[in-house]
Amino acid sequence: MKKITIEDVEQARVAWLQAQERSIREHDAWSVLINSKDELIRSLNVNGKTISQAQAEFWQHMDGHSERYQNANKDLSEKSSEFGKMYRIYKSQNL
């Protein structure tokens, strides 16, 4: 088994922090969309879409944000597991 260095642990920690930040950003973006639902639908309607078309477009955006948020959380979970694993191995190798 490869010896895990403190640099390996630090790289895993940085990757986990970046994944955490991405998850937060995706959640915030999704929240903005949810909070501007009525305004977005009204704007699309004013600019030529029927209400049904505007609602359908809103839900397409919702699906996209939902998928990005789910992917970000999956990545965060993977990076968290990897960081924990690297840390545990490092600690066991350096007792």
PDB file of N, CA and C in Angstrom:
ATOM      1  N   MET A   1       0.847  -1.182   0.000  1.00  0.00           N
ATOM      2  CA  MET A   1       0.000   0.000   0.000  1.00  0.00           C
ATOM      3  C   MET A   1       0.893   1.245   0.000  1.00  0.00           C
ATOM      4  N   LYS A   2       0.496   2.219  -0.787  1.00  0.00           N
ATOM      5  CA  LYS A   2       1.227   3.483  -0.881  1.00  0.00           C
ATOM      6  C   LYS A   2       1.140   4.223   0.447  1.00  0.00           C
ATOM      7  N   LYS A   3       2.262   4.775   0.842  1.00  0.00           N
ATOM      8  CA  LYS A   3       2.271   5.592   2.060  1.00  0.00           C
ATOM      9  C   LYS A   3       1.556   6.909   1.768  1.00  0.00           C
ATOM     10  N   ILE A   4       0.629   7.247   2.627  1.00  0.00           N
ATOM     11  CA  ILE A   4      -0.124   8.498   2.505  1.00  0.00           C
ATOM     12  C   ILE A   4       0.648   9.589   3.237  1.00  0.00           C
ATOM     13  N   THR A   5       0.895  10.677   2.532  1.00  0.00           N
ATOM     14  CA  THR A   5       1.622  11.798   3.121  1.00  0.00           C
ATOM     15  C   THR A   5       0.640  12.865   3.595  1.00  0.00           C
ATOM     16  N   ILE A   6       1.146  13.786   4.368  1.00  0.00           N
ATOM     17  CA  ILE A   6       0.318  14.912   4.811  1.00  0.00           C
ATOM     18  C   ILE A   6      -0.132  15.737   3.610  1.00  0.00           C
ATOM     19  N   GLU A   7       0.691  15.768   2.559  1.00  0.00           N
ATOM     20  CA  GLU A   7       0.309  16.480   1.329  1.00  0.00           C
ATOM     21  C   GLU A   7      -0.884  15.799   0.662  1.00  0.00           C
ATOM     22  N   ASP A   8      -0.915  14.462   0.695  1.00  0.00           N
ATOM     23  CA  ASP A   8      -2.064  13.731   0.145  1.00  0.00           C
ATOM     24  C   ASP A   8      -3.335  14.065   0.922  1.00  0.00           C
ATOM     25  N   VAL A   9      -3.206  14.108   2.234  1.00  0.00           N
ATOM     26  CA  VAL A   9      -4.352  14.449   3.090  1.00  0.00           C
ATOM     27  C   VAL A   9      -4.808  15.874   2.798  1.00  0.00           C
ATOM     28  N   GLU A  10      -3.852  16.779   2.649  1.00  0.00           N
ATOM     29  CA  GLU A  10      -4.194  18.173   2.372  1.00  0.00           C
ATOM     30  C   GLU A  10      -4.890  18.318   1.020  1.00  0.00           C
ATOM     31  N   GLN A  11      -4.430  17.592   0.019  1.00  0.00           N
ATOM     32  CA  GLN A  11      -5.088  17.631  -1.299  1.00  0.00           C
ATOM     33  C   GLN A  11      -6.526  17.126  -1.193  1.00  0.00           C
ATOM     34  N   ALA A  12      -6.727  16.060  -0.427  1.00  0.00           N
ATOM     35  CA  ALA A  12      -8.079  15.524  -0.235  1.00  0.00           C
ATOM     36  C   ALA A  12      -8.945  16.527   0.527  1.00  0.00           C
ATOM     37  N   ARG A  13      -8.356  17.215   1.495  1.00  0.00           N
ATOM     38  CA  ARG A  13      -9.103  18.222   2.263  1.00  0.00           C
ATOM     39  C   ARG A  13      -9.515  19.386   1.375  1.00  0.00           C
ATOM     40  N   VAL A  14      -8.606  19.847   0.530  1.00  0.00           N
ATOM     41  CA  VAL A  14      -8.904  20.956  -0.380  1.00  0.00           C
ATOM     42  C   VAL A  14      -9.998  20.545  -1.370  1.00  0.00           C
ATOM     43  N   ALA A  15      -9.916  19.336  -1.887  1.00  0.00           N
ATOM     44  CA  ALA A  15     -10.954  18.845  -2.810  1.00  0.00           C
ATOM     45  C   ALA A  15     -12.306  18.795  -2.109  1.00  0.00           C
ATOM     46  N   TRP A  16     -12.323  18.370  -0.846  1.00  0.00           N
ATOM     47  CA  TRP A  16     -13.562  18.322  -0.073  1.00  0.00           C
ATOM     48  C   TRP A  16     -14.116  19.734   0.147  1.00  0.00           C
ATOM     49  N   LEU A  17     -13.241  20.682   0.490  1.00  0.00           N
ATOM     50  CA  LEU A  17     -13.689  22.066   0.693  1.00  0.00           C
ATOM     51  C   LEU A  17     -14.244  22.669  -0.598  1.00  0.00           C
ATOM     52  N   GLN A  18     -13.601  22.370  -1.726  1.00  0.00           N
ATOM     53  CA  GLN A  18     -14.093  22.864  -3.014  1.00  0.00           C
ATOM     54  C   GLN A  18     -15.450  22.248  -3.346  1.00  0.00           C
ATOM     55  N   ALA A  19     -15.614  20.978  -3.073  1.00  0.00           N
ATOM     56  CA  ALA A  19     -16.897  20.316  -3.323  1.00  0.00           C
ATOM     57  C   ALA A  19     -17.979  20.895  -2.418  1.00  0.00           C
ATOM     58  N   GLN A  20     -17.602  21.201  -1.195  1.00  0.00           N
ATOM     59  CA  GLN A  20     -18.550  21.813  -0.259  1.00  0.00           C
ATOM     60  C   GLN A  20     -18.996  23.183  -0.769  1.00  0.00           C
ATOM     61  N   GLU A  21     -18.049  23.959  -1.242  1.00  0.00           N
ATOM     62  CA  GLU A  21     -18.363  25.290  -1.776  1.00  0.00           C
ATOM     63  C   GLU A  21     -19.268  25.179  -3.002  1.00  0.00           C
ATOM     64  N   ARG A  22     -18.977  24.228  -3.868  1.00  0.00           N
ATOM     65  CA  ARG A  22     -19.812  24.026  -5.060  1.00  0.00           C
ATOM     66  C   ARG A  22     -21.242  23.660  -4.660  1.00  0.00           C
ATOM     67  N   SER A  23     -21.380  22.787  -3.679  1.00  0.00           N
ATOM     68  CA  SER A  23     -22.711  22.397  -3.221  1.00  0.00           C
ATOM     69  C   SER A  23     -23.479  23.603  -2.686  1.00  0.00           C
ATOM     70  N   ILE A  24     -22.806  24.438  -1.932  1.00  0.00           N
ATOM     71  CA  ILE A  24     -23.439  25.650  -1.392  1.00  0.00           C
ATOM     72  C   ILE A  24     -23.866  26.574  -2.527  1.00  0.00           C
ATOM     73  N   ARG A  25     -22.982  26.778  -3.511  1.00  0.00           N
ATOM     74  CA  ARG A  25     -23.318  27.655  -4.645  1.00  0.00           C
ATOM     75  C   ARG A  25     -24.503  27.113  -5.438  1.00  0.00           C
ATOM     76  N   GLU A  26     -24.525  25.798  -5.671  1.00  0.00           N
ATOM     77  CA  GLU A  26     -25.639  25.208  -6.419  1.00  0.00           C
ATOM     78  C   GLU A  26     -26.950  25.350  -5.645  1.00  0.00           C
ATOM     79  N   HIS A  27     -26.886  25.172  -4.334  1.00  0.00           N
ATOM     80  CA  HIS A  27     -28.084  25.341  -3.519  1.00  0.00           C
ATOM     81  C   HIS A  27     -28.570  26.781  -3.577  1.00  0.00           C
ATOM     82  N   ASP A  28     -27.647  27.719  -3.464  1.00  0.00           N
ATOM     83  CA  ASP A  28     -28.017  29.136  -3.518  1.00  0.00           C
ATOM     84  C   ASP A  28     -28.646  29.491  -4.865  1.00  0.00           C
ATOM     85  N   ALA A  29     -28.070  28.987  -5.956  1.00  0.00           N
ATOM     86  CA  ALA A  29     -28.613  29.273  -7.292  1.00  0.00           C
ATOM     87  C   ALA A  29     -30.021  28.701  -7.428  1.00  0.00           C
ATOM     88  N   TRP A  30     -30.209  27.501  -6.925  1.00  0.00           N
ATOM     89  CA  TRP A  30     -31.527  26.874  -6.988  1.00  0.00           C
ATOM     90  C   TRP A  30     -32.524  27.670  -6.151  1.00  0.00           C
ATOM     91  N   SER A  31     -32.097  28.136  -5.002  1.00  0.00           N
ATOM     92  CA  SER A  31     -32.954  28.935  -4.130  1.00  0.00           C
ATOM     93  C   SER A  31     -33.384  30.236  -4.809  1.00  0.00           C
ATOM     94  N   VAL A  32     -32.447  30.877  -5.503  1.00  0.00           N
ATOM     95  CA  VAL A  32     -32.775  32.117  -6.228  1.00  0.00           C
ATOM     96  C   VAL A  32     -33.853  31.829  -7.271  1.00  0.00           C
ATOM     97  N   LEU A  33     -33.705  30.735  -7.994  1.00  0.00           N
ATOM     98  CA  LEU A  33     -34.702  30.385  -9.007  1.00  0.00           C
ATOM     99  C   LEU A  33     -36.071  30.153  -8.362  1.00  0.00           C
ATOM    100  N   ILE A  34     -36.095  29.390  -7.298  1.00  0.00           N
ATOM    101  CA  ILE A  34     -37.359  29.106  -6.615  1.00  0.00           C
ATOM    102  C   ILE A  34     -38.017  30.401  -6.149  1.00  0.00           C
ATOM    103  N   ASN A  35     -37.220  31.292  -5.575  1.00  0.00           N
ATOM    104  CA  ASN A  35     -37.766  32.545  -5.044  1.00  0.00           C
ATOM    105  C   ASN A  35     -38.193  33.531  -6.124  1.00  0.00           C
ATOM    106  N   SER A  36     -37.751  33.302  -7.356  1.00  0.00           N
ATOM    107  CA  SER A  36     -38.146  34.223  -8.426  1.00  0.00           C
ATOM    108  C   SER A  36     -39.082  33.561  -9.440  1.00  0.00           C
ATOM    109  N   LYS A  37     -39.742  32.493  -9.015  1.00  0.00           N
ATOM    110  CA  LYS A  37     -40.644  31.747  -9.900  1.00  0.00           C
ATOM    111  C   LYS A  37     -41.683  32.651 -10.555  1.00  0.00           C
ATOM    112  N   ASP A  38     -42.451  33.353  -9.748  1.00  0.00           N
ATOM    113  CA  ASP A  38     -43.531  34.181 -10.298  1.00  0.00           C
ATOM    114  C   ASP A  38     -42.987  35.260 -11.225  1.00  0.00           C
ATOM    115  N   GLU A  39     -41.913  35.901 -10.800  1.00  0.00           N
ATOM    116  CA  GLU A  39     -41.308  36.961 -11.605  1.00  0.00           C
ATOM    117  C   GLU A  39     -40.791  36.417 -12.943  1.00  0.00           C
ATOM    118  N   LEU A  40     -40.158  35.263 -12.912  1.00  0.00           N
ATOM    119  CA  LEU A  40     -39.630  34.661 -14.128  1.00  0.00           C
ATOM    120  C   LEU A  40     -40.761  34.276 -15.085  1.00  0.00           C
ATOM    121  N   ILE A  41     -41.786  33.648 -14.567  1.00  0.00           N
ATOM    122  CA  ILE A  41     -42.920  33.254 -15.413  1.00  0.00           C
ATOM    123  C   ILE A  41     -43.591  34.486 -16.004  1.00  0.00           C
ATOM    124  N   ARG A  42     -43.775  35.511 -15.187  1.00  0.00           N
ATOM    125  CA  ARG A  42     -44.389  36.753 -15.673  1.00  0.00           C
ATOM    126  C   ARG A  42     -43.517  37.383 -16.769  1.00  0.00           C
ATOM    127  N   SER A  43     -42.211  37.406 -16.558  1.00  0.00           N
ATOM    128  CA  SER A  43     -41.292  37.983 -17.533  1.00  0.00           C
ATOM    129  C   SER A  43     -41.322  37.203 -18.855  1.00  0.00           C
ATOM    130  N   LEU A  44     -41.326  35.896 -18.772  1.00  0.00           N
ATOM    131  CA  LEU A  44     -41.396  35.075 -19.981  1.00  0.00           C
ATOM    132  C   LEU A  44     -42.716  35.317 -20.709  1.00  0.00           C
ATOM    133  N   ASN A  45     -43.785  35.463 -19.940  1.00  0.00           N
ATOM    134  CA  ASN A  45     -45.101  35.711 -20.519  1.00  0.00           C
ATOM    135  C   ASN A  45     -45.147  37.073 -21.213  1.00  0.00           C
ATOM    136  N   VAL A  46     -44.613  38.085 -20.572  1.00  0.00           N
ATOM    137  CA  VAL A  46     -44.571  39.429 -21.147  1.00  0.00           C
ATOM    138  C   VAL A  46     -43.756  39.434 -22.438  1.00  0.00           C
ATOM    139  N   ASN A  47     -42.737  38.562 -22.497  1.00  0.00           N
ATOM    140  CA  ASN A  47     -41.864  38.515 -23.664  1.00  0.00           C
ATOM    141  C   ASN A  47     -42.294  37.486 -24.703  1.00  0.00           C
ATOM    142  N   GLY A  48     -43.584  37.133 -24.687  1.00  0.00           N
ATOM    143  CA  GLY A  48     -44.131  36.365 -25.793  1.00  0.00           C
ATOM    144  C   GLY A  48     -44.481  34.917 -25.534  1.00  0.00           C
ATOM    145  N   LYS A  49     -44.117  34.377 -24.402  1.00  0.00           N
ATOM    146  CA  LYS A  49     -44.468  32.984 -24.102  1.00  0.00           C
ATOM    147  C   LYS A  49     -45.871  32.944 -23.506  1.00  0.00           C
ATOM    148  N   THR A  50     -46.566  31.869 -23.821  1.00  0.00           N
ATOM    149  CA  THR A  50     -47.849  31.672 -23.135  1.00  0.00           C
ATOM    150  C   THR A  50     -47.535  31.295 -21.692  1.00  0.00           C
ATOM    151  N   ILE A  51     -48.547  31.385 -20.829  1.00  0.00           N
ATOM    152  CA  ILE A  51     -48.346  30.988 -19.427  1.00  0.00           C
ATOM    153  C   ILE A  51     -47.878  29.538 -19.363  1.00  0.00           C
ATOM    154  N   SER A  52     -48.488  28.679 -20.159  1.00  0.00           N
ATOM    155  CA  SER A  52     -48.090  27.262 -20.162  1.00  0.00           C
ATOM    156  C   SER A  52     -46.644  27.089 -20.607  1.00  0.00           C
ATOM    157  N   GLN A  53     -46.233  27.818 -21.627  1.00  0.00           N
ATOM    158  CA  GLN A  53     -44.847  27.747 -22.097  1.00  0.00           C
ATOM    159  C   GLN A  53     -43.889  28.289 -21.036  1.00  0.00           C
ATOM    160  N   ALA A  54     -44.284  29.388 -20.418  1.00  0.00           N
ATOM    161  CA  ALA A  54     -43.442  29.995 -19.380  1.00  0.00           C
ATOM    162  C   ALA A  54     -43.280  29.049 -18.187  1.00  0.00           C
ATOM    163  N   GLN A  55     -44.372  28.416 -17.794  1.00  0.00           N
ATOM    164  CA  GLN A  55     -44.296  27.462 -16.680  1.00  0.00           C
ATOM    165  C   GLN A  55     -43.427  26.263 -17.054  1.00  0.00           C
ATOM    166  N   ALA A  56     -43.583  25.780 -18.275  1.00  0.00           N
ATOM    167  CA  ALA A  56     -42.770  24.649 -18.731  1.00  0.00           C
ATOM    168  C   ALA A  56     -41.290  25.017 -18.733  1.00  0.00           C
ATOM    169  N   GLU A  57     -40.980  26.229 -19.169  1.00  0.00           N
ATOM    170  CA  GLU A  57     -39.585  26.676 -19.173  1.00  0.00           C
ATOM    171  C   GLU A  57     -39.045  26.801 -17.753  1.00  0.00           C
ATOM    172  N   PHE A  58     -39.874  27.322 -16.857  1.00  0.00           N
ATOM    173  CA  PHE A  58     -39.462  27.399 -15.456  1.00  0.00           C
ATOM    174  C   PHE A  58     -39.120  26.014 -14.925  1.00  0.00           C
ATOM    175  N   TRP A  59     -39.970  25.030 -15.205  1.00  0.00           N
ATOM    176  CA  TRP A  59     -39.725  23.679 -14.702  1.00  0.00           C
ATOM    177  C   TRP A  59     -38.506  23.037 -15.357  1.00  0.00           C
ATOM    178  N   GLN A  60     -38.195  23.415 -16.573  1.00  0.00           N
ATOM    179  CA  GLN A  60     -36.953  22.934 -17.187  1.00  0.00           C
ATOM    180  C   GLN A  60     -35.749  23.483 -16.419  1.00  0.00           C
ATOM    181  N   HIS A  61     -35.827  24.762 -16.069  1.00  0.00           N
ATOM    182  CA  HIS A  61     -34.762  25.361 -15.262  1.00  0.00           C
ATOM    183  C   HIS A  61     -34.670  24.676 -13.898  1.00  0.00           C
ATOM    184  N   MET A  62     -35.822  24.403 -13.300  1.00  0.00           N
ATOM    185  CA  MET A  62     -35.847  23.718 -11.996  1.00  0.00           C
ATOM    186  C   MET A  62     -35.182  22.349 -12.095  1.00  0.00           C
ATOM    187  N   ASP A  63     -35.523  21.607 -13.141  1.00  0.00           N
ATOM    188  CA  ASP A  63     -34.924  20.280 -13.317  1.00  0.00           C
ATOM    189  C   ASP A  63     -33.412  20.376 -13.466  1.00  0.00           C
ATOM    190  N   GLY A  64     -32.951  21.362 -14.228  1.00  0.00           N
ATOM    191  CA  GLY A  64     -31.514  21.557 -14.405  1.00  0.00           C
ATOM    192  C   GLY A  64     -30.816  21.881 -13.099  1.00  0.00           C
ATOM    193  N   HIS A  65     -31.412  22.788 -12.329  1.00  0.00           N
ATOM    194  CA  HIS A  65     -30.816  23.149 -11.041  1.00  0.00           C
ATOM    195  C   HIS A  65     -30.847  21.969 -10.074  1.00  0.00           C
ATOM    196  N   SER A  66     -31.935  21.242 -10.083  1.00  0.00           N
ATOM    197  CA  SER A  66     -32.045  20.068  -9.218  1.00  0.00           C
ATOM    198  C   SER A  66     -30.945  19.061  -9.549  1.00  0.00           C
ATOM    199  N   GLU A  67     -30.736  18.818 -10.811  1.00  0.00           N
ATOM    200  CA  GLU A  67     -29.709  17.863 -11.233  1.00  0.00           C
ATOM    201  C   GLU A  67     -28.312  18.345 -10.839  1.00  0.00           C
ATOM    202  N   ARG A  68     -28.031  19.620 -11.057  1.00  0.00           N
ATOM    203  CA  ARG A  68     -26.715  20.155 -10.687  1.00  0.00           C
ATOM    204  C   ARG A  68     -26.494  20.082  -9.173  1.00  0.00           C
ATOM    205  N   TYR A  69     -27.540  20.378  -8.405  1.00  0.00           N
ATOM    206  CA  TYR A  69     -27.422  20.316  -6.946  1.00  0.00           C
ATOM    207  C   TYR A  69     -27.202  18.878  -6.482  1.00  0.00           C
ATOM    208  N   GLN A  70     -27.942  17.950  -7.059  1.00  0.00           N
ATOM    209  CA  GLN A  70     -27.766  16.535  -6.705  1.00  0.00           C
ATOM    210  C   GLN A  70     -26.360  16.061  -7.058  1.00  0.00           C
ATOM    211  N   ASN A  71     -25.867  16.455  -8.220  1.00  0.00           N
ATOM    212  CA  ASN A  71     -24.510  16.074  -8.623  1.00  0.00           C
ATOM    213  C   ASN A  71     -23.463  16.680  -7.695  1.00  0.00           C
ATOM    214  N   ALA A  72     -23.677  17.923  -7.303  1.00  0.00           N
ATOM    215  CA  ALA A  72     -22.745  18.579  -6.384  1.00  0.00           C
ATOM    216  C   ALA A  72     -22.732  17.858  -5.038  1.00  0.00           C
ATOM    217  N   ASN A  73     -23.892  17.448  -4.560  1.00  0.00           N
ATOM    218  CA  ASN A  73     -23.954  16.737  -3.284  1.00  0.00           C
ATOM    219  C   ASN A  73     -23.341  15.351  -3.377  1.00  0.00           C
ATOM    220  N   LYS A  74     -23.515  14.699  -4.513  1.00  0.00           N
ATOM    221  CA  LYS A  74     -22.878  13.391  -4.717  1.00  0.00           C
ATOM    222  C   LYS A  74     -21.363  13.550  -4.693  1.00  0.00           C
ATOM    223  N   ASP A  75     -20.865  14.555  -5.395  1.00  0.00           N
ATOM    224  CA  ASP A  75     -19.431  14.825  -5.417  1.00  0.00           C
ATOM    225  C   ASP A  75     -18.930  15.156  -4.008  1.00  0.00           C
ATOM    226  N   LEU A  76     -19.690  15.944  -3.266  1.00  0.00           N
ATOM    227  CA  LEU A  76     -19.320  16.296  -1.893  1.00  0.00           C
ATOM    228  C   LEU A  76     -19.226  15.039  -1.032  1.00  0.00           C
ATOM    229  N   SER A  77     -20.174  14.156  -1.163  1.00  0.00           N
ATOM    230  CA  SER A  77     -20.163  12.909  -0.394  1.00  0.00           C
ATOM    231  C   SER A  77     -18.929  12.075  -0.730  1.00  0.00           C
ATOM    232  N   GLU A  78     -18.614  11.980  -2.015  1.00  0.00           N
ATOM    233  CA  GLU A  78     -17.437  11.217  -2.447  1.00  0.00           C
ATOM    234  C   GLU A  78     -16.146  11.843  -1.919  1.00  0.00           C
ATOM    235  N   LYS A  79     -16.054  13.173  -2.022  1.00  0.00           N
ATOM    236  CA  LYS A  79     -14.852  13.864  -1.554  1.00  0.00           C
ATOM    237  C   LYS A  79     -14.723  13.766  -0.030  1.00  0.00           C
ATOM    238  N   SER A  80     -15.837  13.800   0.666  1.00  0.00           N
ATOM    239  CA  SER A  80     -15.828  13.659   2.113  1.00  0.00           C
ATOM    240  C   SER A  80     -15.319  12.270   2.505  1.00  0.00           C
ATOM    241  N   SER A  81     -15.817  11.255   1.834  1.00  0.00           N
ATOM    242  CA  SER A  81     -15.368   9.883   2.109  1.00  0.00           C
ATOM    243  C   SER A  81     -13.881   9.724   1.826  1.00  0.00           C
ATOM    244  N   GLU A  82     -13.437  10.283   0.709  1.00  0.00           N
ATOM    245  CA  GLU A  82     -12.029  10.185   0.330  1.00  0.00           C
ATOM    246  C   GLU A  82     -11.137  10.909   1.345  1.00  0.00           C
ATOM    247  N   PHE A  83     -11.554  12.080   1.759  1.00  0.00           N
ATOM    248  CA  PHE A  83     -10.790  12.831   2.757  1.00  0.00           C
ATOM    249  C   PHE A  83     -10.703  12.038   4.063  1.00  0.00           C
ATOM    250  N   GLY A  84     -11.822  11.516   4.513  1.00  0.00           N
ATOM    251  CA  GLY A  84     -11.836  10.721   5.750  1.00  0.00           C
ATOM    252  C   GLY A  84     -10.943   9.496   5.644  1.00  0.00           C
ATOM    253  N   LYS A  85     -11.013   8.819   4.523  1.00  0.00           N
ATOM    254  CA  LYS A  85     -10.188   7.629   4.301  1.00  0.00           C
ATOM    255  C   LYS A  85      -8.699   7.992   4.330  1.00  0.00           C
ATOM    256  N   MET A  86      -8.331   9.046   3.595  1.00  0.00           N
ATOM    257  CA  MET A  86      -6.932   9.464   3.545  1.00  0.00           C
ATOM    258  C   MET A  86      -6.435   9.843   4.943  1.00  0.00           C
ATOM    259  N   TYR A  87      -7.259  10.553   5.678  1.00  0.00           N
ATOM    260  CA  TYR A  87      -6.865  10.985   7.020  1.00  0.00           C
ATOM    261  C   TYR A  87      -6.663   9.778   7.934  1.00  0.00           C
ATOM    262  N   ARG A  88      -7.596   8.830   7.892  1.00  0.00           N
ATOM    263  CA  ARG A  88      -7.483   7.640   8.744  1.00  0.00           C
ATOM    264  C   ARG A  88      -6.224   6.837   8.407  1.00  0.00           C
ATOM    265  N   ILE A  89      -5.964   6.673   7.110  1.00  0.00           N
ATOM    266  CA  ILE A  89      -4.770   5.930   6.697  1.00  0.00           C
ATOM    267  C   ILE A  89      -3.515   6.666   7.154  1.00  0.00           C
ATOM    268  N   TYR A  90      -3.494   7.952   6.931  1.00  0.00           N
ATOM    269  CA  TYR A  90      -2.332   8.755   7.345  1.00  0.00           C
ATOM    270  C   TYR A  90      -2.091   8.610   8.843  1.00  0.00           C
ATOM    271  N   LYS A  91      -3.143   8.732   9.637  1.00  0.00           N
ATOM    272  CA  LYS A  91      -2.998   8.625  11.093  1.00  0.00           C
ATOM    273  C   LYS A  91      -2.503   7.239  11.493  1.00  0.00           C
ATOM    274  N   SER A  92      -3.028   6.196  10.830  1.00  0.00           N
ATOM    275  CA  SER A  92      -2.596   4.835  11.190  1.00  0.00           C
ATOM    276  C   SER A  92      -1.148   4.580  10.794  1.00  0.00           C
ATOM    277  N   GLN A  93      -0.684   5.233   9.751  1.00  0.00           N
ATOM    278  CA  GLN A  93       0.690   5.061   9.315  1.00  0.00           C
ATOM    279  C   GLN A  93       1.673   5.888  10.140  1.00  0.00           C
ATOM    280  N   ASN A  94       1.158   6.836  10.881  1.00  0.00           N
ATOM    281  CA  ASN A  94       2.041   7.745  11.620  1.00  0.00           C
ATOM    282  C   ASN A  94       1.776   7.721  13.132  1.00  0.00           C
ATOM    283  N   LEU A  95       1.450   6.560  13.635  1.00  0.00           N
ATOM    284  CA  LEU A  95       1.230   6.437  15.091  1.00  0.00           C
ATOM    285  C   LEU A  95       2.536   6.377  15.830  1.00  0.00           C
TER     286      LEU A  95
END
